[in-house]
Amino acid sequence: IYMFATGDTLNATLLLLYHAIVTGNVDYIARITLLKRIGDTHP
């Protein structure tokens, strides 16, 4: 939001897509694989 507000629209858009696609999926995949593998704990 700050990057959009300061006019850095291109980087803000790319960062938004990066976190929405990459960071969010990494969190989901890591939780269902690591926690499941280490202790068979349901998400």
All heavy atoms as atom14 arrays in JSON, in Angstrom:
{
  "sequence": "IYMFATGDTLNATLLLLYHAIVTGNVDYIARITLLKRIGDTHP",
  "atom14_mask": [
    [1, 1, 1, 1, 1, 1, 1, 1, 0, 0, 0, 0, 0, 0],
    [1, 1, 1, 1, 1, 1, 1, 1, 1, 1, 1, 1, 0, 0],
    [1, 1, 1, 1, 1, 1, 1, 1, 0, 0, 0, 0, 0, 0],
    [1, 1, 1, 1, 1, 1, 1, 1, 1, 1, 1, 0, 0, 0],
    [1, 1, 1, 1, 1, 0, 0, 0, 0, 0, 0, 0, 0, 0],
    [1, 1, 1, 1, 1, 1, 1, 0, 0, 0, 0, 0, 0, 0],
    [1, 1, 1, 1, 0, 0, 0, 0, 0, 0, 0, 0, 0, 0],
    [1, 1, 1, 1, 1, 1, 1, 1, 0, 0, 0, 0, 0, 0],
    [1, 1, 1, 1, 1, 1, 1, 0, 0, 0, 0, 0, 0, 0],
    [1, 1, 1, 1, 1, 1, 1, 1, 0, 0, 0, 0, 0, 0],
    [1, 1, 1, 1, 1, 1, 1, 1, 0, 0, 0, 0, 0, 0],
    [1, 1, 1, 1, 1, 0, 0, 0, 0, 0, 0, 0, 0, 0],
    [1, 1, 1, 1, 1, 1, 1, 0, 0, 0, 0, 0, 0, 0],
    [1, 1, 1, 1, 1, 1, 1, 1, 0, 0, 0, 0, 0, 0],
    [1, 1, 1, 1, 1, 1, 1, 1, 0, 0, 0, 0, 0, 0],
    [1, 1, 1, 1, 1, 1, 1, 1, 0, 0, 0, 0, 0, 0],
    [1, 1, 1, 1, 1, 1, 1, 1, 0, 0, 0, 0, 0, 0],
    [1, 1, 1, 1, 1, 1, 1, 1, 1, 1, 1, 1, 0, 0],
    [1, 1, 1, 1, 1, 1, 1, 1, 1, 1, 0, 0, 0, 0],
    [1, 1, 1, 1, 1, 0, 0, 0, 0, 0, 0, 0, 0, 0],
    [1, 1, 1, 1, 1, 1, 1, 1, 0, 0, 0, 0, 0, 0],
    [1, 1, 1, 1, 1, 1, 1, 0, 0, 0, 0, 0, 0, 0],
    [1, 1, 1, 1, 1, 1, 1, 0, 0, 0, 0, 0, 0, 0],
    [1, 1, 1, 1, 0, 0, 0, 0, 0, 0, 0, 0, 0, 0],
    [1, 1, 1, 1, 1, 1, 1, 1, 0, 0, 0, 0, 0, 0],
    [1, 1, 1, 1, 1, 1, 1, 0, 0, 0, 0, 0, 0, 0],
    [1, 1, 1, 1, 1, 1, 1, 1, 0, 0, 0, 0, 0, 0],
    [1, 1, 1, 1, 1, 1, 1, 1, 1, 1, 1, 1, 0, 0],
    [1, 1, 1, 1, 1, 1, 1, 1, 0, 0, 0, 0, 0, 0],
    [1, 1, 1, 1, 1, 0, 0, 0, 0, 0, 0, 0, 0, 0],
    [1, 1, 1, 1, 1, 1, 1, 1, 1, 1, 1, 0, 0, 0],
    [1, 1, 1, 1, 1, 1, 1, 1, 0, 0, 0, 0, 0, 0],
    [1, 1, 1, 1, 1, 1, 1, 0, 0, 0, 0, 0, 0, 0],
    [1, 1, 1, 1, 1, 1, 1, 1, 0, 0, 0, 0, 0, 0],
    [1, 1, 1, 1, 1, 1, 1, 1, 0, 0, 0, 0, 0, 0],
    [1, 1, 1, 1, 1, 1, 1, 1, 1, 0, 0, 0, 0, 0],
    [1, 1, 1, 1, 1, 1, 1, 1, 1, 1, 1, 0, 0, 0],
    [1, 1, 1, 1, 1, 1, 1, 1, 0, 0, 0, 0, 0, 0],
    [1, 1, 1, 1, 0, 0, 0, 0, 0, 0, 0, 0, 0, 0],
    [1, 1, 1, 1, 1, 1, 1, 1, 0, 0, 0, 0, 0, 0],
    [1, 1, 1, 1, 1, 1, 1, 0, 0, 0, 0, 0, 0, 0],
    [1, 1, 1, 1, 1, 1, 1, 1, 1, 1, 0, 0, 0, 0],
    [1, 1, 1, 1, 1, 1, 1, 0, 0, 0, 0, 0, 0, 0]
  ],
  "atom14_positions": [
    [[0.84, -1.21, 0.0], [0.0, 0.0, 0.0], [0.87, 1.25, 0.0], [0.59, 2.22, -0.73], [-0.94, -0.01, 1.22], [-1.97, -1.13, 1.09], [-1.64, 1.34, 1.38], [-2.86, -1.32, 2.31], [0.0, 0.0, 0.0], [0.0, 0.0, 0.0], [0.0, 0.0, 0.0], [0.0, 0.0, 0.0], [0.0, 0.0, 0.0], [0.0, 0.0, 0.0]],
    [[1.92, 1.25, 0.78], [2.83, 2.4, 0.83], [3.49, 2.63, -0.53], [3.63, 3.78, -0.98], [3.88, 2.19, 1.91], [4.92, 3.29, 1.98], [4.63, 4.5, 2.6], [6.18, 3.12, 1.39], [5.56, 5.52, 2.65], [7.12, 4.14, 1.43], [6.81, 5.33, 2.06], [7.74, 6.34, 2.11], [0.0, 0.0, 0.0], [0.0, 0.0, 0.0]],
    [[3.9, 1.55, -1.19], [4.55, 1.69, -2.5], [3.57, 2.24, -3.53], [3.93, 3.07, -4.37], [5.12, 0.35, -2.94], [6.27, -0.14, -2.07], [6.88, -1.79, -2.53], [7.68, -1.42, -4.1], [0.0, 0.0, 0.0], [0.0, 0.0, 0.0], [0.0, 0.0, 0.0], [0.0, 0.0, 0.0], [0.0, 0.0, 0.0], [0.0, 0.0, 0.0]],
    [[2.31, 1.8, -3.5], [1.3, 2.37, -4.39], [1.1, 3.86, -4.1], [0.97, 4.67, -5.01], [-0.03, 1.63, -4.23], [-0.16, 0.41, -5.09], [-0.29, -0.85, -4.53], [-0.19, 0.53, -6.47], [-0.41, -1.98, -5.32], [-0.32, -0.6, -7.28], [-0.42, -1.86, -6.7], [0.0, 0.0, 0.0], [0.0, 0.0, 0.0], [0.0, 0.0, 0.0]],
    [[1.07, 4.19, -2.8], [0.82, 5.58, -2.41], [1.95, 6.51, -2.83], [1.71, 7.68, -3.15], [0.63, 5.67, -0.89], [0.0, 0.0, 0.0], [0.0, 0.0, 0.0], [0.0, 0.0, 0.0], [0.0, 0.0, 0.0], [0.0, 0.0, 0.0], [0.0, 0.0, 0.0], [0.0, 0.0, 0.0], [0.0, 0.0, 0.0], [0.0, 0.0, 0.0]],
    [[3.17, 6.01, -2.84], [4.32, 6.84, -3.21], [4.59, 6.84, -4.71], [5.59, 7.42, -5.15], [5.57, 6.36, -2.45], [5.79, 4.97, -2.7], [5.42, 6.61, -0.97], [0.0, 0.0, 0.0], [0.0, 0.0, 0.0], [0.0, 0.0, 0.0], [0.0, 0.0, 0.0], [0.0, 0.0, 0.0], [0.0, 0.0, 0.0], [0.0, 0.0, 0.0]],
    [[3.74, 6.19, -5.48], [3.87, 6.23, -6.93], [4.69, 5.13, -7.56], [4.84, 5.11, -8.79], [0.0, 0.0, 0.0], [0.0, 0.0, 0.0], [0.0, 0.0, 0.0], [0.0, 0.0, 0.0], [0.0, 0.0, 0.0], [0.0, 0.0, 0.0], [0.0, 0.0, 0.0], [0.0, 0.0, 0.0], [0.0, 0.0, 0.0], [0.0, 0.0, 0.0]],
    [[5.2, 4.21, -6.76], [6.01, 3.12, -7.31], [5.07, 1.98, -7.72], [5.09, 0.87, -7.16], [7.02, 2.65, -6.26], [8.12, 1.79, -6.86], [8.08, 1.55, -8.09], [9.0, 1.34, -6.1], [0.0, 0.0, 0.0], [0.0, 0.0, 0.0], [0.0, 0.0, 0.0], [0.0, 0.0, 0.0], [0.0, 0.0, 0.0], [0.0, 0.0, 0.0]],
    [[4.24, 2.25, -8.73], [3.14, 1.35, -9.08], [3.64, 0.01, -9.62], [3.09, -1.05, -9.27], [2.24, 2.01, -10.13], [1.81, 3.29, -9.64], [1.01, 1.15, -10.4], [0.0, 0.0, 0.0], [0.0, 0.0, 0.0], [0.0, 0.0, 0.0], [0.0, 0.0, 0.0], [0.0, 0.0, 0.0], [0.0, 0.0, 0.0], [0.0, 0.0, 0.0]],
    [[4.66, 0.05, -10.48], [5.13, -1.19, -11.09], [5.68, -2.15, -10.04], [5.28, -3.33, -9.99], [6.22, -0.88, -12.13], [6.86, -2.1, -12.8], [5.81, -2.92, -13.55], [7.98, -1.67, -13.75], [0.0, 0.0, 0.0], [0.0, 0.0, 0.0], [0.0, 0.0, 0.0], [0.0, 0.0, 0.0], [0.0, 0.0, 0.0], [0.0, 0.0, 0.0]],
    [[6.59, -1.67, -9.2], [7.16, -2.54, -8.16], [6.1, -2.98, -7.15], [6.14, -4.11, -6.67], [8.3, -1.81, -7.43], [9.59, -1.82, -8.21], [9.86, -2.75, -8.96], [10.39, -0.77, -8.07], [0.0, 0.0, 0.0], [0.0, 0.0, 0.0], [0.0, 0.0, 0.0], [0.0, 0.0, 0.0], [0.0, 0.0, 0.0], [0.0, 0.0, 0.0]],
    [[5.16, -2.1, -6.85], [4.09, -2.45, -5.91], [3.24, -3.59, -6.48], [2.88, -4.53, -5.76], [3.22, -1.23, -5.62], [0.0, 0.0, 0.0], [0.0, 0.0, 0.0], [0.0, 0.0, 0.0], [0.0, 0.0, 0.0], [0.0, 0.0, 0.0], [0.0, 0.0, 0.0], [0.0, 0.0, 0.0], [0.0, 0.0, 0.0], [0.0, 0.0, 0.0]],
    [[2.92, -3.5, -7.78], [2.12, -4.54, -8.42], [2.87, -5.87, -8.46], [2.3, -6.93, -8.15], [1.75, -4.12, -9.85], [1.05, -2.87, -9.82], [0.85, -5.17, -10.5], [0.0, 0.0, 0.0], [0.0, 0.0, 0.0], [0.0, 0.0, 0.0], [0.0, 0.0, 0.0], [0.0, 0.0, 0.0], [0.0, 0.0, 0.0], [0.0, 0.0, 0.0]],
    [[4.16, -5.8, -8.82], [4.96, -7.02, -8.88], [5.12, -7.64, -7.49], [5.05, -8.87, -7.34], [6.33, -6.71, -9.48], [6.34, -6.32, -10.96], [7.73, -5.9, -11.4], [5.82, -7.46, -11.83], [0.0, 0.0, 0.0], [0.0, 0.0, 0.0], [0.0, 0.0, 0.0], [0.0, 0.0, 0.0], [0.0, 0.0, 0.0], [0.0, 0.0, 0.0]],
    [[5.32, -6.78, -6.48], [5.46, -7.3, -5.11], [4.16, -7.91, -4.63], [4.16, -8.96, -3.96], [5.89, -6.17, -4.17], [6.21, -6.57, -2.72], [7.4, -7.53, -2.68], [6.48, -5.34, -1.86], [0.0, 0.0, 0.0], [0.0, 0.0, 0.0], [0.0, 0.0, 0.0], [0.0, 0.0, 0.0], [0.0, 0.0, 0.0], [0.0, 0.0, 0.0]],
    [[3.03, -7.3, -4.98], [1.73, -7.85, -4.63], [1.54, -9.23, -5.24], [1.12, -10.18, -4.55], [0.62, -6.9, -5.09], [-0.82, -7.4, -4.93], [-1.14, -7.62, -3.47], [-1.79, -6.4, -5.54], [0.0, 0.0, 0.0], [0.0, 0.0, 0.0], [0.0, 0.0, 0.0], [0.0, 0.0, 0.0], [0.0, 0.0, 0.0], [0.0, 0.0, 0.0]],
    [[1.84, -9.36, -6.52], [1.71, -10.66, -7.18], [2.69, -11.68, -6.6], [2.33, -12.86, -6.42], [1.97, -10.49, -8.69], [0.93, -9.67, -9.46], [1.38, -9.45, -10.9], [-0.44, -10.35, -9.42], [0.0, 0.0, 0.0], [0.0, 0.0, 0.0], [0.0, 0.0, 0.0], [0.0, 0.0, 0.0], [0.0, 0.0, 0.0], [0.0, 0.0, 0.0]],
    [[3.89, -11.24, -6.3], [4.9, -12.15, -5.74], [4.44, -12.74, -4.42], [4.51, -13.96, -4.21], [6.21, -11.37, -5.55], [7.33, -12.18, -4.93], [8.17, -12.97, -5.71], [7.55, -12.14, -3.56], [9.2, -13.7, -5.15], [8.59, -12.87, -2.98], [9.4, -13.65, -3.78], [10.41, -14.37, -3.21], [0.0, 0.0, 0.0], [0.0, 0.0, 0.0]],
    [[3.94, -11.87, -3.52], [3.51, -12.37, -2.21], [2.22, -13.18, -2.31], [2.06, -14.18, -1.6], [3.33, -11.2, -1.24], [4.61, -10.66, -0.7], [5.49, -11.43, 0.04], [5.17, -9.43, -0.78], [6.53, -10.69, 0.38], [6.36, -9.48, -0.1], [0.0, 0.0, 0.0], [0.0, 0.0, 0.0], [0.0, 0.0, 0.0], [0.0, 0.0, 0.0]],
    [[1.3, -12.74, -3.18], [0.04, -13.46, -3.3], [0.24, -14.86, -3.89], [-0.42, -15.82, -3.48], [-0.93, -12.66, -4.17], [0.0, 0.0, 0.0], [0.0, 0.0, 0.0], [0.0, 0.0, 0.0], [0.0, 0.0, 0.0], [0.0, 0.0, 0.0], [0.0, 0.0, 0.0], [0.0, 0.0, 0.0], [0.0, 0.0, 0.0], [0.0, 0.0, 0.0]],
    [[1.18, -14.98, -4.84], [1.39, -16.26, -5.52], [2.47, -17.09, -4.84], [2.26, -18.26, -4.5], [1.76, -16.02, -7.0], [0.6, -15.33, -7.73], [2.09, -17.34, -7.7], [0.93, -14.87, -9.14], [0.0, 0.0, 0.0], [0.0, 0.0, 0.0], [0.0, 0.0, 0.0], [0.0, 0.0, 0.0], [0.0, 0.0, 0.0], [0.0, 0.0, 0.0]],
    [[3.63, -16.49, -4.62], [4.78, -17.25, -4.12], [4.72, -17.42, -2.61], [4.68, -18.55, -2.1], [6.1, -16.57, -4.54], [7.3, -17.35, -4.0], [6.19, -16.46, -6.05], [0.0, 0.0, 0.0], [0.0, 0.0, 0.0], [0.0, 0.0, 0.0], [0.0, 0.0, 0.0], [0.0, 0.0, 0.0], [0.0, 0.0, 0.0], [0.0, 0.0, 0.0]],
    [[4.72, -16.29, -1.87], [4.77, -16.38, -0.41], [3.57, -17.12, 0.16], [3.72, -17.97, 1.06], [4.83, -14.96, 0.2], [5.91, -14.23, -0.4], [5.05, -15.03, 1.7], [0.0, 0.0, 0.0], [0.0, 0.0, 0.0], [0.0, 0.0, 0.0], [0.0, 0.0, 0.0], [0.0, 0.0, 0.0], [0.0, 0.0, 0.0], [0.0, 0.0, 0.0]],
    [[2.38, -16.83, -0.35], [1.18, -17.5, 0.16], [1.21, -19.0, -0.08], [0.88, -19.79, 0.81], [0.0, 0.0, 0.0], [0.0, 0.0, 0.0], [0.0, 0.0, 0.0], [0.0, 0.0, 0.0], [0.0, 0.0, 0.0], [0.0, 0.0, 0.0], [0.0, 0.0, 0.0], [0.0, 0.0, 0.0], [0.0, 0.0, 0.0], [0.0, 0.0, 0.0]],
    [[1.63, -19.42, -1.27], [1.69, -20.86, -1.56], [2.81, -21.55, -0.81], [2.66, -22.72, -0.43], [1.86, -21.07, -3.07], [0.57, -20.81, -3.84], [-0.51, -21.19, -3.39], [0.67, -20.15, -4.98], [0.0, 0.0, 0.0], [0.0, 0.0, 0.0], [0.0, 0.0, 0.0], [0.0, 0.0, 0.0], [0.0, 0.0, 0.0], [0.0, 0.0, 0.0]],
    [[3.92, -20.86, -0.61], [5.01, -21.45, 0.18], [4.53, -21.72, 1.6], [4.83, -22.77, 2.19], [6.24, -20.52, 0.18], [7.23, -20.93, 1.26], [6.92, -20.56, -1.18], [0.0, 0.0, 0.0], [0.0, 0.0, 0.0], [0.0, 0.0, 0.0], [0.0, 0.0, 0.0], [0.0, 0.0, 0.0], [0.0, 0.0, 0.0], [0.0, 0.0, 0.0]],
    [[3.78, -20.78, 2.16], [3.24, -20.97, 3.52], [2.33, -22.19, 3.56], [2.45, -23.04, 4.46], [2.48, -19.72, 3.95], [1.84, -19.89, 5.31], [2.58, -19.95, 6.3], [0.6, -19.97, 5.4], [0.0, 0.0, 0.0], [0.0, 0.0, 0.0], [0.0, 0.0, 0.0], [0.0, 0.0, 0.0], [0.0, 0.0, 0.0], [0.0, 0.0, 0.0]],
    [[1.43, -22.29, 2.6], [0.48, -23.41, 2.58], [1.2, -24.74, 2.39], [0.97, -25.71, 3.14], [-0.54, -23.2, 1.46], [-1.49, -24.35, 1.27], [-2.53, -24.58, 2.18], [-1.35, -25.23, 0.2], [-3.4, -25.64, 2.02], [-2.22, -26.29, 0.03], [-3.24, -26.49, 0.93], [-4.09, -27.55, 0.78], [0.0, 0.0, 0.0], [0.0, 0.0, 0.0]],
    [[2.11, -24.79, 1.41], [2.81, -26.04, 1.13], [3.7, -26.44, 2.3], [3.76, -27.62, 2.67], [3.65, -25.89, -0.17], [2.73, -25.72, -1.37], [4.56, -27.1, -0.36], [3.45, -25.35, -2.65], [0.0, 0.0, 0.0], [0.0, 0.0, 0.0], [0.0, 0.0, 0.0], [0.0, 0.0, 0.0], [0.0, 0.0, 0.0], [0.0, 0.0, 0.0]],
    [[4.39, -25.47, 2.9], [5.28, -25.78, 4.02], [4.5, -26.34, 5.2], [4.94, -27.28, 5.86], [6.06, -24.53, 4.43], [0.0, 0.0, 0.0], [0.0, 0.0, 0.0], [0.0, 0.0, 0.0], [0.0, 0.0, 0.0], [0.0, 0.0, 0.0], [0.0, 0.0, 0.0], [0.0, 0.0, 0.0], [0.0, 0.0, 0.0], [0.0, 0.0, 0.0]],
    [[3.34, -25.77, 5.46], [2.57, -26.22, 6.63], [2.0, -27.62, 6.42], [2.0, -28.44, 7.34], [1.45, -25.23, 6.95], [1.96, -23.93, 7.53], [0.86, -22.99, 7.97], [1.41, -21.7, 8.34], [1.94, -21.43, 9.53], [1.95, -22.35, 10.47], [2.44, -20.24, 9.78], [0.0, 0.0, 0.0], [0.0, 0.0, 0.0], [0.0, 0.0, 0.0]],
    [[1.49, -27.9, 5.23], [0.88, -29.22, 5.03], [1.92, -30.31, 4.8], [1.6, -31.49, 4.9], [-0.12, -29.2, 3.85], [0.6, -28.91, 2.52], [-1.23, -28.19, 4.12], [-0.31, -29.0, 1.32], [0.0, 0.0, 0.0], [0.0, 0.0, 0.0], [0.0, 0.0, 0.0], [0.0, 0.0, 0.0], [0.0, 0.0, 0.0], [0.0, 0.0, 0.0]],
    [[3.16, -29.9, 4.49], [4.2, -30.92, 4.28], [5.09, -31.08, 5.51], [5.24, -32.2, 6.01], [5.08, -30.56, 3.06], [5.62, -29.23, 3.24], [4.28, -30.61, 1.79], [0.0, 0.0, 0.0], [0.0, 0.0, 0.0], [0.0, 0.0, 0.0], [0.0, 0.0, 0.0], [0.0, 0.0, 0.0], [0.0, 0.0, 0.0], [0.0, 0.0, 0.0]],
    [[5.64, -29.97, 6.03], [6.56, -30.06, 7.17], [5.84, -30.57, 8.41], [6.28, -31.54, 9.05], [7.19, -28.7, 7.44], [8.4, -28.33, 6.58], [8.88, -26.93, 6.92], [9.54, -29.33, 6.78], [0.0, 0.0, 0.0], [0.0, 0.0, 0.0], [0.0, 0.0, 0.0], [0.0, 0.0, 0.0], [0.0, 0.0, 0.0], [0.0, 0.0, 0.0]],
    [[4.75, -29.9, 8.8], [4.05, -30.3, 10.02], [3.46, -31.7, 9.89], [3.43, -32.47, 10.85], [2.95, -29.3, 10.36], [3.43, -27.88, 10.73], [2.24, -27.0, 11.09], [4.43, -27.91, 11.86], [0.0, 0.0, 0.0], [0.0, 0.0, 0.0], [0.0, 0.0, 0.0], [0.0, 0.0, 0.0], [0.0, 0.0, 0.0], [0.0, 0.0, 0.0]],
    [[3.0, -32.04, 8.69], [2.46, -33.38, 8.46], [3.57, -34.41, 8.52], [3.4, -35.5, 9.09], [1.78, -33.42, 7.09], [0.99, -34.68, 6.82], [-0.36, -34.64, 7.49], [-1.2, -35.83, 7.09], [-2.48, -35.88, 7.82], [0.0, 0.0, 0.0], [0.0, 0.0, 0.0], [0.0, 0.0, 0.0], [0.0, 0.0, 0.0], [0.0, 0.0, 0.0]],
    [[4.74, -34.06, 7.97], [5.84, -35.01, 7.92], [6.48, -35.2, 9.3], [6.81, -36.31, 9.7], [6.89, -34.51, 6.92], [8.01, -35.5, 6.65], [8.99, -34.93, 5.64], [10.0, -35.9, 5.28], [9.89, -36.79, 4.32], [8.78, -36.85, 3.62], [10.86, -37.64, 4.04], [0.0, 0.0, 0.0], [0.0, 0.0, 0.0], [0.0, 0.0, 0.0]],
    [[6.64, -34.09, 10.04], [7.31, -34.17, 11.34], [6.42, -34.83, 12.38], [6.86, -35.69, 13.13], [7.74, -32.77, 11.8], [8.79, -32.19, 10.85], [8.32, -32.83, 13.22], [9.16, -30.76, 11.15], [0.0, 0.0, 0.0], [0.0, 0.0, 0.0], [0.0, 0.0, 0.0], [0.0, 0.0, 0.0], [0.0, 0.0, 0.0], [0.0, 0.0, 0.0]],
    [[5.15, -34.4, 12.45], [4.31, -34.9, 13.53], [2.93, -35.35, 13.12], [2.09, -35.61, 13.98], [0.0, 0.0, 0.0], [0.0, 0.0, 0.0], [0.0, 0.0, 0.0], [0.0, 0.0, 0.0], [0.0, 0.0, 0.0], [0.0, 0.0, 0.0], [0.0, 0.0, 0.0], [0.0, 0.0, 0.0], [0.0, 0.0, 0.0], [0.0, 0.0, 0.0]],
    [[2.65, -35.43, 11.81], [1.33, -35.85, 11.32], [0.23, -35.01, 11.96], [-0.8, -35.51, 12.4], [1.11, -37.34, 11.62], [-0.07, -37.9, 10.82], [-0.38, -37.32, 9.76], [-0.66, -38.9, 11.26], [0.0, 0.0, 0.0], [0.0, 0.0, 0.0], [0.0, 0.0, 0.0], [0.0, 0.0, 0.0], [0.0, 0.0, 0.0], [0.0, 0.0, 0.0]],
    [[0.47, -33.69, 12.01], [-0.49, -32.77, 12.61], [-1.36, -32.16, 11.53], [-0.84, -31.58, 10.57], [0.24, -31.65, 13.38], [1.09, -32.24, 14.35], [-0.76, -30.74, 14.08], [0.0, 0.0, 0.0], [0.0, 0.0, 0.0], [0.0, 0.0, 0.0], [0.0, 0.0, 0.0], [0.0, 0.0, 0.0], [0.0, 0.0, 0.0], [0.0, 0.0, 0.0]],
    [[-2.67, -32.24, 11.69], [-3.58, -31.7, 10.7], [-3.53, -30.17, 10.73], [-3.48, -29.57, 11.8], [-5.01, -32.17, 10.98], [-5.92, -32.0, 9.81], [-6.51, -30.79, 9.49], [-6.35, -32.88, 8.86], [-7.27, -30.94, 8.42], [-7.19, -32.18, 8.01], [0.0, 0.0, 0.0], [0.0, 0.0, 0.0], [0.0, 0.0, 0.0], [0.0, 0.0, 0.0]],
    [[-3.55, -29.51, 9.54], [-3.49, -28.04, 9.52], [-4.6, -27.37, 10.31], [-4.39, -26.3, 10.89], [-3.59, -27.71, 8.02], [-3.11, -28.93, 7.32], [-3.49, -30.09, 8.2], [0.0, 0.0, 0.0], [0.0, 0.0, 0.0], [0.0, 0.0, 0.0], [0.0, 0.0, 0.0], [0.0, 0.0, 0.0], [0.0, 0.0, 0.0], [0.0, 0.0, 0.0]]
  ]
}
